[in-house]
Amino acid sequence: MKRFSPLLIAVSTALLVSCLGMDADARIGADGSVDVSMTYTVSAAVDELGRLGANAAYIPVPVGRDDLDLAARRAGGTLRSWSRKDGVESFVVTAALRFPSAAAFASFLDPTGLSASYSESGGKSTLTMRLSEGTPPAEKELVDFIRAAFDDYAVSIRITTPRAPSSPRGFVVAGRVSSFTMKSADLYASDKPVTLSLSW
């Protein structure tokens, strides 16, 4: 199972596999602070895989409150609420976080700055997130399996900026809200990197 970039690990964060569905809403205030609410659904099969010692790295998001709290605090943020609901075939985690700045939020998404970054230039702020590195054609059989097994999962991201965004890439913009939605399997299967960015 292939991992996505750290973005869907958190909103993640923030970076996910096709066995994961995510709905994330980030609101950037006039003071630069960022409030994030997110819900992600993880297949029970992925959860079990992650319990098998060396396979732990295949879990692409923090499944525990302590893990998510630590990731938020390391970026200077706060975990405001967290809950988990277990089902027969999947479990759902719902969380709310707050960050003092968009730069802290980007650091939370990816501390290395490779898959999520924030910059300021000429009075303009820019947030960039790479959700997938692209899947080599050689993995076609795996992609076909994932499309069949996890077609119901999707990734949805909404970002509300203090003013109407400019130069959006990958987003659909309506007023101050930039939205992105894509089936998780399609995100995994994309043969090219999937990158989102916007400025305000």
Protein backbone atom coordinates (compact mmCIF):
# COMPACT_ATOMS: atom_id res chain seq x y z
CA MET A 1 0.00 0.00 0.00
CA LYS A 2 1.48 3.34 -1.02
CA ARG A 3 1.64 6.40 1.23
CA PHE A 4 0.72 9.92 0.17
CA SER A 5 2.56 13.04 1.24
CA PRO A 6 2.34 14.28 4.85
CA LEU A 7 -0.48 16.74 4.08
CA LEU A 8 -3.21 14.22 4.49
CA ILE A 9 -1.46 12.73 7.44
CA ALA A 10 -2.87 15.80 9.27
CA VAL A 11 -5.58 17.14 7.18
CA SER A 12 -3.67 15.54 6.73
CA THR A 13 -2.42 15.95 7.37
CA ALA A 14 -2.41 15.44 5.65
CA LEU A 15 -1.85 12.62 2.88
CA LEU A 16 -3.48 9.39 2.48
CA VAL A 17 -3.87 6.14 0.72
CA SER A 18 -6.83 5.06 -1.33
CA CYS A 19 -8.17 3.20 1.71
CA LEU A 20 -8.76 6.54 3.41
CA GLY A 21 -11.46 9.15 3.00
CA MET A 22 -11.04 12.69 4.31
CA ASP A 23 -13.14 15.82 4.66
CA ALA A 24 -11.16 18.84 5.87
CA ASP A 25 -12.15 22.46 6.39
CA ALA A 26 -9.48 25.11 7.12
CA ARG A 27 -10.43 28.72 7.92
CA ILE A 28 -7.68 31.33 7.86
CA GLY A 29 -8.53 34.39 9.94
CA ALA A 30 -7.62 38.01 9.29
CA ASP A 31 -4.96 37.67 12.01
CA GLY A 32 -3.43 34.71 10.16
CA SER A 33 -4.60 32.04 12.61
CA VAL A 34 -5.98 28.81 11.15
CA ASP A 35 -8.88 26.75 12.49
CA VAL A 36 -9.12 23.25 11.07
CA SER A 37 -11.91 20.73 11.39
CA MET A 38 -11.49 17.32 9.78
CA THR A 39 -13.09 13.94 9.57
CA TYR A 40 -11.30 10.95 8.11
CA THR A 41 -12.49 7.41 7.53
CA VAL A 42 -9.97 4.59 7.56
CA SER A 43 -10.60 1.07 6.31
CA ALA A 44 -10.36 -1.52 9.09
CA ALA A 45 -8.07 -3.52 6.81
CA VAL A 46 -5.55 -0.68 6.83
CA ASP A 47 -5.79 -0.37 10.60
CA GLU A 48 -5.04 -4.08 11.01
CA LEU A 49 -2.14 -3.88 8.56
CA GLY A 50 -0.63 -1.10 10.62
CA ARG A 51 -0.66 -3.25 13.74
CA LEU A 52 1.76 -5.77 12.25
CA GLY A 53 5.08 -4.39 13.43
CA ALA A 54 7.04 -3.46 10.31
CA ASN A 55 3.81 -2.52 8.54
CA ALA A 56 3.08 0.33 10.96
CA ALA A 57 4.48 2.84 8.47
CA TYR A 58 1.60 2.07 6.12
CA ILE A 59 -0.87 3.93 8.32
CA PRO A 60 -0.84 7.36 6.65
CA VAL A 61 -2.57 9.36 9.40
CA PRO A 62 -2.40 9.52 13.20
CA VAL A 63 -5.14 7.21 14.49
CA GLY A 64 -4.69 8.11 18.15
CA ARG A 65 -5.46 11.33 20.05
CA ASP A 66 -1.97 11.50 21.54
CA ASP A 67 -0.31 11.19 18.13
CA LEU A 68 -2.41 13.97 16.62
CA ASP A 69 -1.92 16.17 19.70
CA LEU A 70 1.86 15.71 19.49
CA ALA A 71 1.90 16.56 15.78
CA ALA A 72 -0.12 19.72 16.41
CA ARG A 73 2.04 20.86 19.35
CA ARG A 74 5.26 20.30 17.42
CA ALA A 75 3.98 22.78 14.83
CA GLY A 76 2.94 25.28 17.53
CA GLY A 77 -0.74 24.37 17.30
CA THR A 78 -3.40 22.96 19.60
CA LEU A 79 -5.67 19.94 19.34
CA ARG A 80 -9.04 21.31 20.47
CA SER A 81 -11.15 18.15 20.18
CA TRP A 82 -10.86 14.54 19.05
CA SER A 83 -13.18 11.56 18.80
CA ARG A 84 -13.15 8.12 17.19
CA LYS A 85 -16.09 5.96 16.18
CA ASP A 86 -15.45 2.34 15.27
CA GLY A 87 -17.54 0.47 12.72
CA VAL A 88 -17.44 -3.03 11.28
CA GLU A 89 -15.48 -2.17 8.12
CA SER A 90 -13.91 1.17 9.06
CA PHE A 91 -13.44 3.72 11.79
CA VAL A 92 -14.01 7.48 11.71
CA VAL A 93 -11.86 10.10 13.44
CA THR A 94 -13.16 13.65 13.89
CA ALA A 95 -10.87 16.39 15.16
CA ALA A 96 -10.57 20.16 15.49
CA LEU A 97 -7.23 21.98 15.63
CA ARG A 98 -6.00 25.55 15.82
CA PHE A 99 -2.73 27.05 14.59
CA PRO A 100 -1.36 30.55 15.27
CA SER A 101 -0.39 31.07 11.63
CA ALA A 102 -0.59 29.59 8.15
CA ALA A 103 3.13 28.84 8.41
CA ALA A 104 2.47 26.72 11.51
CA PHE A 105 -0.37 24.98 9.70
CA ALA A 106 1.90 24.14 6.76
CA SER A 107 4.53 22.83 9.18
CA PHE A 108 1.88 20.60 10.74
CA LEU A 109 0.98 19.22 7.32
CA ASP A 110 4.61 18.48 6.53
CA PRO A 111 7.45 19.50 8.87
CA THR A 112 9.99 18.93 6.08
CA GLY A 113 8.38 21.57 3.85
CA LEU A 114 8.53 19.25 0.83
CA SER A 115 4.83 18.44 0.50
CA ALA A 116 3.32 21.47 2.19
CA SER A 117 4.75 24.98 2.32
CA TYR A 118 3.79 28.56 3.10
CA SER A 119 5.46 31.70 1.84
CA GLU A 120 4.96 35.47 1.84
CA SER A 121 6.10 37.88 -0.86
CA GLY A 122 5.02 41.38 -1.81
CA GLY A 123 2.15 41.35 0.65
CA LYS A 124 0.82 38.08 -0.77
CA SER A 125 0.56 34.78 1.11
CA THR A 126 0.80 31.44 -0.69
CA LEU A 127 -0.03 27.94 0.57
CA THR A 128 1.03 24.92 -1.49
CA MET A 129 0.20 21.27 -0.81
CA ARG A 130 1.23 18.18 -2.78
CA LEU A 131 -1.28 15.39 -2.17
CA SER A 132 0.27 12.65 -4.29
CA GLU A 133 3.63 11.98 -5.89
CA GLY A 134 2.08 10.12 -8.83
CA THR A 135 1.86 6.37 -9.36
CA PRO A 136 4.25 4.61 -11.78
CA PRO A 137 2.53 2.75 -14.65
CA ALA A 138 4.12 -0.47 -13.38
CA GLU A 139 1.69 -0.45 -10.44
CA LYS A 140 -1.36 -0.81 -12.68
CA GLU A 141 -2.57 -4.07 -11.10
CA LEU A 142 -2.47 -2.54 -7.64
CA VAL A 143 -4.29 0.54 -8.90
CA ASP A 144 -7.01 -1.63 -10.46
CA PHE A 145 -7.47 -3.49 -7.19
CA ILE A 146 -7.70 -0.26 -5.22
CA ARG A 147 -10.26 1.21 -7.61
CA ALA A 148 -12.45 -1.87 -7.14
CA ALA A 149 -12.04 -2.20 -3.38
CA PHE A 150 -12.07 1.40 -2.19
CA ASP A 151 -14.04 3.34 -4.79
CA ASP A 152 -16.34 4.90 -2.16
CA TYR A 153 -13.60 6.88 -0.42
CA ALA A 154 -12.98 10.53 -1.35
CA VAL A 155 -10.77 13.44 -0.32
CA SER A 156 -12.44 16.84 0.14
CA ILE A 157 -10.58 19.98 1.21
CA ARG A 158 -11.98 23.48 1.70
CA ILE A 159 -9.90 26.52 2.59
CA THR A 160 -11.46 29.85 3.49
CA THR A 161 -9.05 32.78 3.16
CA PRO A 162 -9.34 36.31 4.63
CA ARG A 163 -9.90 37.68 1.12
CA ALA A 164 -10.68 36.25 -2.31
CA PRO A 165 -7.79 34.00 -3.38
CA SER A 166 -5.74 34.51 -6.51
CA SER A 167 -3.82 32.13 -8.78
CA PRO A 168 -5.58 28.99 -7.52
CA ARG A 169 -4.19 25.66 -8.72
CA GLY A 170 -6.35 22.55 -8.39
CA PHE A 171 -9.09 24.37 -6.49
CA VAL A 172 -12.56 25.53 -7.47
CA VAL A 173 -13.08 29.02 -6.04
CA ALA A 174 -16.34 30.60 -4.88
CA GLY A 175 -15.86 33.91 -3.09
CA ARG A 176 -13.29 33.34 -0.36
CA VAL A 177 -13.70 29.55 -0.34
CA SER A 178 -11.39 27.27 -2.36
CA SER A 179 -12.56 23.66 -2.71
CA PHE A 180 -11.01 20.41 -3.92
CA THR A 181 -12.67 16.99 -4.18
CA MET A 182 -11.31 13.81 -5.71
CA LYS A 183 -11.94 10.11 -5.21
CA SER A 184 -9.14 8.63 -3.12
CA ALA A 185 -8.59 5.85 -5.66
CA ASP A 186 -8.24 8.41 -8.46
CA LEU A 187 -5.78 10.37 -6.36
CA TYR A 188 -3.72 7.25 -5.83
CA ALA A 189 -3.98 6.24 -9.48
CA SER A 190 -2.92 9.60 -10.92
CA ASP A 191 0.22 9.09 -12.98
CA LYS A 192 1.23 12.67 -12.28
CA PRO A 193 1.73 14.48 -8.97
CA VAL A 194 -1.41 16.16 -7.60
CA THR A 195 -0.61 19.61 -6.22
CA LEU A 196 -2.87 22.32 -4.82
CA SER A 197 -1.94 25.96 -4.23
CA LEU A 198 -3.56 29.34 -3.72
CA SER A 199 -2.52 32.86 -2.83
CA TRP A 200 -4.35 35.63 -0.99
